[in-house]
Amino acid sequence: MRRDRLVGGETDLSYVRPEARRGILLAVLVVSLFGFFAVVVIDLLDYHTSIELAQRHLLIAGLVLFGAAARKRLLHPRGQFRVLAAMGCGMAVMPPLFFTALERLGAGPAITLQFVGVLAVMVWTQVVKGIRVPAVAWLAGLVTVLGISLVVEAWMWERVDLIGIAAGVGGAFFLAIYLLVVDHLGGRLHPLTIAAYPMGIAALLLMPLGRWGPMDLLASKWWWLLALGVLGTALPVLLEVVAVRYAGPGPVGIIILTQPVVGAVAAWFLLGQVLTGLQILGIAVSLVGVLLVQSKVSEART
């Protein structure tokens, strides 16, 4: 568990560098899982609406996490149920907002707008919490989002749409709030508890809209749906909570932004989608940003 001490009026986390680096490695694993299963989502959306697929994979993930938490006797919210319920509401809202931005703006702008959430985390850390965010952290974020912009071709706006922009920014702020609340609960609840409640609550909220989805899927699609819920949702969400506890919401948020890069590479290998020279350059630039975060994470003090 991360512990802070004050030296000269500033938070000093230098003695937890191994844990911070462990958090960065976990965040990279989270992004790898999310990115790979983004390709699975593309396939499953041929058989589901976005709401149906969101409800199904959240329900599977919630059942897995609740079962694991119950087995370890970690279901007691310790007075934090309202906070966990609010996180569940946010988790239910994020996918529709992101899908709206995708539909109205296109993939590039919608994905790049997610940087607003990470920027909000860094501003909150600097201004509200009074913890200095060094220049290299801002630089790492900008380098990463530049690389992502190249990968997703963010300049290819289909049209300027205020509703789409509002949805993209709204989804980004929900992501920021989620990361900050996870960081807030890190010292109060076990990661399993933090992951299980929001996931289950989000699934229940989406159930009236999802209506359980189609039942006449091929056996292979049911297996991929199960894998998406367990390996593509439950496991990475749990690891994400642990990563935030170790490294803080800022560095983890920057690395989460690189999910489109992993998804592009996975689509390249699995679906045969060809990457342009600019997209390959974007992948390289994004990796530079992640390496900056990893090398300076102990100085970011978030």
Protein backbone atom coordinates (compact mmCIF):
# COMPACT_ATOMS: atom_id res chain seq x y z
CA MET A 1 0.00 0.00 0.00
CA ARG A 2 1.25 3.48 -0.84
CA ARG A 3 2.15 5.71 2.12
CA ASP A 4 3.02 9.41 1.96
CA ARG A 5 5.37 11.40 4.18
CA LEU A 6 6.10 15.11 4.21
CA VAL A 7 9.61 16.37 3.63
CA GLY A 8 10.10 20.11 3.35
CA GLY A 9 6.37 20.64 2.84
CA GLU A 10 6.11 18.29 -0.16
CA THR A 11 4.98 14.73 -0.47
CA ASP A 12 7.93 12.36 -0.77
CA LEU A 13 7.30 9.01 -2.39
CA SER A 14 10.89 8.25 -3.32
CA TYR A 15 11.05 5.28 -0.99
CA VAL A 16 8.17 3.49 -2.78
CA ARG A 17 9.74 3.51 -6.24
CA PRO A 18 9.60 -0.30 -6.63
CA GLU A 19 5.84 -0.25 -5.92
CA ALA A 20 5.34 2.66 -8.34
CA ARG A 21 7.17 0.80 -11.08
CA ARG A 22 5.08 -2.28 -10.31
CA GLY A 23 2.00 -0.14 -10.77
CA ILE A 24 3.24 1.05 -14.17
CA LEU A 25 3.85 -2.55 -15.27
CA LEU A 26 0.35 -3.51 -14.14
CA ALA A 27 -1.07 -0.54 -16.08
CA VAL A 28 0.75 -1.75 -19.19
CA LEU A 29 -0.78 -5.22 -18.69
CA VAL A 30 -4.21 -3.60 -18.26
CA VAL A 31 -3.84 -1.70 -21.53
CA SER A 32 -2.64 -4.85 -23.31
CA LEU A 33 -5.74 -6.78 -22.19
CA PHE A 34 -8.12 -3.92 -23.01
CA GLY A 35 -6.47 -3.37 -26.39
CA PHE A 36 -6.58 -7.02 -27.41
CA PHE A 37 -10.19 -7.48 -26.41
CA ALA A 38 -11.16 -4.31 -28.26
CA VAL A 39 -10.76 -6.47 -31.37
CA VAL A 40 -13.09 -9.04 -29.82
CA VAL A 41 -15.62 -6.25 -29.16
CA ILE A 42 -15.56 -5.30 -32.85
CA ASP A 43 -16.51 -8.87 -33.75
CA LEU A 44 -19.19 -9.24 -31.06
CA LEU A 45 -20.84 -5.94 -32.06
CA ASP A 46 -21.94 -7.69 -35.24
CA TYR A 47 -24.29 -9.72 -33.02
CA HIS A 48 -25.17 -7.16 -30.30
CA THR A 49 -26.11 -3.55 -29.92
CA SER A 50 -23.59 -1.53 -27.93
CA ILE A 51 -25.89 -1.47 -24.88
CA GLU A 52 -26.49 -5.23 -25.05
CA LEU A 53 -22.77 -5.98 -25.23
CA ALA A 54 -21.96 -3.50 -22.45
CA GLN A 55 -24.59 -5.05 -20.17
CA ARG A 56 -23.48 -8.60 -20.87
CA HIS A 57 -19.76 -8.21 -20.34
CA LEU A 58 -20.27 -6.02 -17.25
CA LEU A 59 -22.63 -8.64 -15.78
CA ILE A 60 -20.12 -11.46 -16.37
CA ALA A 61 -17.32 -9.36 -14.87
CA GLY A 62 -19.46 -8.34 -11.91
CA LEU A 63 -20.40 -11.94 -11.10
CA VAL A 64 -16.75 -13.03 -11.27
CA LEU A 65 -15.53 -10.18 -9.07
CA PHE A 66 -18.38 -10.55 -6.56
CA GLY A 67 -17.72 -14.28 -6.34
CA ALA A 68 -14.02 -13.71 -5.71
CA ALA A 69 -14.74 -11.01 -3.13
CA ALA A 70 -17.32 -13.21 -1.36
CA ARG A 71 -14.88 -16.11 -1.23
CA LYS A 72 -12.31 -13.89 0.46
CA ARG A 73 -14.98 -12.24 2.67
CA LEU A 74 -14.32 -8.81 1.21
CA LEU A 75 -17.87 -7.75 0.37
CA HIS A 76 -18.30 -5.41 3.35
CA PRO A 77 -18.20 -1.84 1.95
CA ARG A 78 -17.08 -0.38 5.31
CA GLY A 79 -19.29 2.67 5.06
CA GLN A 80 -18.29 3.41 1.44
CA PHE A 81 -21.32 1.94 -0.34
CA ARG A 82 -22.58 5.34 -1.55
CA VAL A 83 -19.21 6.07 -3.12
CA LEU A 84 -19.10 2.62 -4.74
CA ALA A 85 -22.67 3.05 -6.02
CA ALA A 86 -21.73 6.43 -7.53
CA MET A 87 -18.79 4.74 -9.26
CA GLY A 88 -21.18 2.14 -10.65
CA CYS A 89 -23.42 4.89 -12.05
CA GLY A 90 -20.40 6.46 -13.72
CA MET A 91 -19.29 3.12 -15.13
CA ALA A 92 -22.76 2.68 -16.65
CA VAL A 93 -22.66 6.15 -18.22
CA MET A 94 -19.15 6.05 -19.72
CA PRO A 95 -19.81 3.55 -22.55
CA PRO A 96 -22.90 5.37 -23.97
CA LEU A 97 -21.05 8.69 -23.90
CA PHE A 98 -18.04 7.21 -25.66
CA PHE A 99 -20.21 5.42 -28.24
CA THR A 100 -22.03 8.72 -28.92
CA ALA A 101 -18.71 10.48 -29.49
CA LEU A 102 -17.61 7.66 -31.78
CA GLU A 103 -20.79 7.89 -33.83
CA ARG A 104 -20.79 11.68 -34.17
CA LEU A 105 -17.06 12.50 -34.38
CA GLY A 106 -15.37 9.37 -35.64
CA ALA A 107 -12.82 7.18 -33.87
CA GLY A 108 -9.87 9.57 -33.99
CA PRO A 109 -11.35 12.64 -32.27
CA ALA A 110 -13.42 10.55 -29.83
CA ILE A 111 -10.41 8.60 -28.60
CA THR A 112 -8.12 11.62 -28.41
CA LEU A 113 -10.66 13.55 -26.33
CA GLN A 114 -10.05 10.99 -23.56
CA PHE A 115 -6.83 12.91 -22.82
CA VAL A 116 -9.02 15.61 -21.26
CA GLY A 117 -9.70 13.19 -18.40
CA VAL A 118 -6.02 12.54 -17.69
CA LEU A 119 -5.30 16.27 -17.93
CA ALA A 120 -8.04 16.85 -15.34
CA VAL A 121 -6.40 14.31 -13.00
CA MET A 122 -3.05 16.09 -13.29
CA VAL A 123 -4.60 19.53 -12.72
CA TRP A 124 -6.50 18.21 -9.68
CA THR A 125 -3.30 16.75 -8.27
CA GLN A 126 -1.38 19.99 -8.78
CA VAL A 127 -4.02 22.55 -7.79
CA VAL A 128 -6.35 20.84 -5.31
CA LYS A 129 -4.10 18.30 -3.59
CA GLY A 130 -1.05 20.56 -3.71
CA ILE A 131 1.23 17.79 -4.97
CA ARG A 132 3.74 19.01 -7.55
CA VAL A 133 3.44 17.39 -10.95
CA PRO A 134 6.87 17.76 -12.58
CA ALA A 135 7.29 19.06 -16.11
CA VAL A 136 8.33 15.63 -17.37
CA ALA A 137 4.91 14.24 -16.45
CA TRP A 138 3.16 16.91 -18.54
CA LEU A 139 5.64 16.24 -21.35
CA ALA A 140 5.01 12.50 -21.16
CA GLY A 141 1.27 13.09 -21.42
CA LEU A 142 1.60 15.37 -24.43
CA VAL A 143 3.99 13.00 -26.19
CA THR A 144 1.63 10.09 -25.56
CA VAL A 145 -1.44 11.91 -26.86
CA LEU A 146 0.53 13.05 -29.92
CA GLY A 147 1.35 9.43 -30.71
CA ILE A 148 -2.25 8.36 -30.17
CA SER A 149 -3.46 11.16 -32.44
CA LEU A 150 -1.26 9.78 -35.21
CA VAL A 151 -2.44 6.19 -34.63
CA VAL A 152 -6.15 7.03 -34.68
CA GLU A 153 -5.76 9.82 -37.29
CA ALA A 154 -7.43 12.34 -34.98
CA TRP A 155 -7.45 15.11 -37.60
CA MET A 156 -10.04 13.25 -39.69
CA TRP A 157 -13.12 14.90 -38.14
CA GLU A 158 -16.28 13.82 -39.93
CA ARG A 159 -17.97 17.07 -38.90
CA VAL A 160 -17.91 19.50 -36.03
CA ASP A 161 -20.65 18.29 -33.70
CA LEU A 162 -21.14 19.95 -30.32
CA ILE A 163 -23.12 16.99 -28.97
CA GLY A 164 -20.33 14.61 -29.95
CA ILE A 165 -17.70 16.86 -28.40
CA ALA A 166 -19.74 17.17 -25.21
CA ALA A 167 -20.16 13.39 -25.05
CA GLY A 168 -16.43 12.80 -25.57
CA VAL A 169 -15.41 15.33 -22.93
CA GLY A 170 -18.09 14.01 -20.56
CA GLY A 171 -16.79 10.47 -20.91
CA ALA A 172 -13.26 11.72 -20.30
CA PHE A 173 -14.27 13.48 -17.09
CA PHE A 174 -16.06 10.38 -15.84
CA LEU A 175 -12.81 8.48 -16.45
CA ALA A 176 -10.92 11.12 -14.45
CA ILE A 177 -13.39 10.97 -11.57
CA TYR A 178 -13.22 7.17 -11.59
CA LEU A 179 -9.40 7.19 -11.32
CA LEU A 180 -9.45 9.79 -8.54
CA VAL A 181 -12.10 7.91 -6.54
CA VAL A 182 -10.17 4.64 -6.93
CA ASP A 183 -7.12 6.45 -5.56
CA HIS A 184 -9.24 7.84 -2.70
CA LEU A 185 -10.61 4.41 -1.75
CA GLY A 186 -7.24 2.68 -2.10
CA GLY A 187 -6.38 2.99 1.57
CA ARG A 188 -9.88 2.11 2.78
CA LEU A 189 -10.99 -0.94 0.81
CA HIS A 190 -9.46 -4.01 -0.80
CA PRO A 191 -9.07 -3.80 -4.62
CA LEU A 192 -11.57 -6.63 -5.06
CA THR A 193 -14.20 -4.66 -3.16
CA ILE A 194 -13.50 -1.50 -5.16
CA ALA A 195 -13.76 -3.38 -8.47
CA ALA A 196 -16.74 -5.62 -7.70
CA TYR A 197 -19.40 -3.16 -6.55
CA PRO A 198 -19.22 -0.61 -9.43
CA MET A 199 -19.10 -3.39 -12.01
CA GLY A 200 -22.17 -5.15 -10.63
CA ILE A 201 -24.13 -1.93 -10.13
CA ALA A 202 -23.37 -0.78 -13.69
CA ALA A 203 -24.58 -4.11 -15.08
CA LEU A 204 -27.85 -3.87 -13.12
CA LEU A 205 -28.43 -0.30 -14.31
CA LEU A 206 -27.95 -1.32 -17.94
CA MET A 207 -30.07 -4.47 -17.65
CA PRO A 208 -33.42 -2.82 -18.58
CA LEU A 209 -31.79 -1.38 -21.71
CA GLY A 210 -29.75 -4.43 -22.64
CA ARG A 211 -32.57 -6.94 -22.07
CA TRP A 212 -30.03 -9.77 -21.84
CA GLY A 213 -29.18 -9.55 -25.55
CA PRO A 214 -29.61 -12.26 -28.22
CA MET A 215 -29.53 -15.89 -27.11
CA ASP A 216 -28.95 -17.57 -30.48
CA LEU A 217 -25.20 -17.00 -30.66
CA LEU A 218 -22.75 -19.57 -31.98
CA ALA A 219 -20.86 -21.51 -29.32
CA SER A 220 -17.62 -19.76 -30.30
CA LYS A 221 -19.25 -16.36 -29.75
CA TRP A 222 -20.43 -17.40 -26.28
CA TRP A 223 -16.85 -18.39 -25.43
CA TRP A 224 -15.51 -15.04 -26.68
CA LEU A 225 -18.22 -13.23 -24.72
CA LEU A 226 -17.18 -15.12 -21.57
CA ALA A 227 -13.51 -14.31 -22.26
CA LEU A 228 -14.41 -10.64 -22.75
CA GLY A 229 -16.18 -10.54 -19.39
CA VAL A 230 -13.46 -12.38 -17.43
CA LEU A 231 -10.14 -11.64 -19.14
CA GLY A 232 -11.12 -8.47 -20.98
CA THR A 233 -13.05 -6.74 -18.19
CA ALA A 234 -12.92 -8.27 -14.69
CA LEU A 235 -9.17 -8.97 -14.63
CA PRO A 236 -7.97 -5.66 -16.14
CA VAL A 237 -10.35 -3.58 -13.98
CA LEU A 238 -9.02 -5.30 -10.85
CA LEU A 239 -5.42 -4.80 -11.98
CA GLU A 240 -6.22 -1.17 -12.79
CA VAL A 241 -7.33 -0.57 -9.19
CA VAL A 242 -4.09 -2.11 -7.92
CA ALA A 243 -2.05 -0.06 -10.41
CA VAL A 244 -3.65 3.19 -9.24
CA ARG A 245 -2.90 2.23 -5.65
CA TYR A 246 0.79 1.72 -6.46
CA ALA A 247 1.51 4.43 -9.05
CA GLY A 248 -1.31 6.97 -8.65
CA PRO A 249 -4.09 8.02 -11.06
CA GLY A 250 -1.97 10.35 -13.22
CA PRO A 251 0.64 7.91 -14.57
CA VAL A 252 -1.92 5.11 -14.86
CA GLY A 253 -4.29 7.41 -16.74
CA ILE A 254 -1.60 8.36 -19.25
CA ILE A 255 -0.83 4.70 -19.93
CA ILE A 256 -4.53 3.83 -20.26
CA LEU A 257 -4.63 6.34 -23.10
CA THR A 258 -2.40 4.05 -25.17
CA GLN A 259 -5.16 1.44 -25.46
CA PRO A 260 -5.89 2.46 -29.11
CA VAL A 261 -2.24 1.74 -29.93
CA VAL A 262 -2.52 -1.82 -28.60
CA GLY A 263 -5.86 -2.22 -30.35
CA ALA A 264 -4.35 -1.07 -33.66
CA VAL A 265 -1.49 -3.55 -33.36
CA ALA A 266 -3.91 -6.36 -32.42
CA ALA A 267 -6.13 -5.53 -35.39
CA TRP A 268 -3.03 -5.54 -37.60
CA PHE A 269 -2.12 -9.08 -36.55
CA LEU A 270 -5.57 -10.60 -36.00
CA LEU A 271 -7.72 -8.86 -38.62
CA GLY A 272 -5.11 -8.02 -41.24
CA GLN A 273 -5.80 -4.27 -41.02
CA VAL A 274 -2.87 -2.41 -42.57
CA LEU A 275 -1.20 0.41 -40.62
CA THR A 276 0.04 3.47 -42.46
CA GLY A 277 3.50 4.95 -41.97
CA LEU A 278 2.06 7.74 -39.80
CA GLN A 279 0.26 5.21 -37.60
CA ILE A 280 3.46 3.22 -37.10
CA LEU A 281 5.23 6.48 -36.22
CA GLY A 282 2.41 7.19 -33.77
CA ILE A 283 2.95 3.84 -32.07
CA ALA A 284 6.65 4.64 -31.65
CA VAL A 285 5.89 8.11 -30.25
CA SER A 286 3.33 6.66 -27.81
CA LEU A 287 5.89 4.14 -26.56
CA VAL A 288 8.32 7.02 -25.93
CA GLY A 289 5.63 8.70 -23.82
CA VAL A 290 5.05 5.54 -21.79
CA LEU A 291 8.79 5.11 -21.24
CA LEU A 292 8.96 8.70 -19.98
CA VAL A 293 6.20 7.92 -17.49
CA GLN A 294 7.92 4.73 -16.37
CA SER A 295 11.33 6.34 -15.92
CA LYS A 296 10.01 9.35 -13.97
CA VAL A 297 7.01 7.88 -12.20
CA SER A 298 8.58 8.21 -8.75
CA GLU A 299 9.01 11.94 -9.41
CA ALA A 300 5.43 12.46 -10.60
CA ARG A 301 4.25 12.14 -6.96
CA THR A 302 0.65 11.41 -7.92
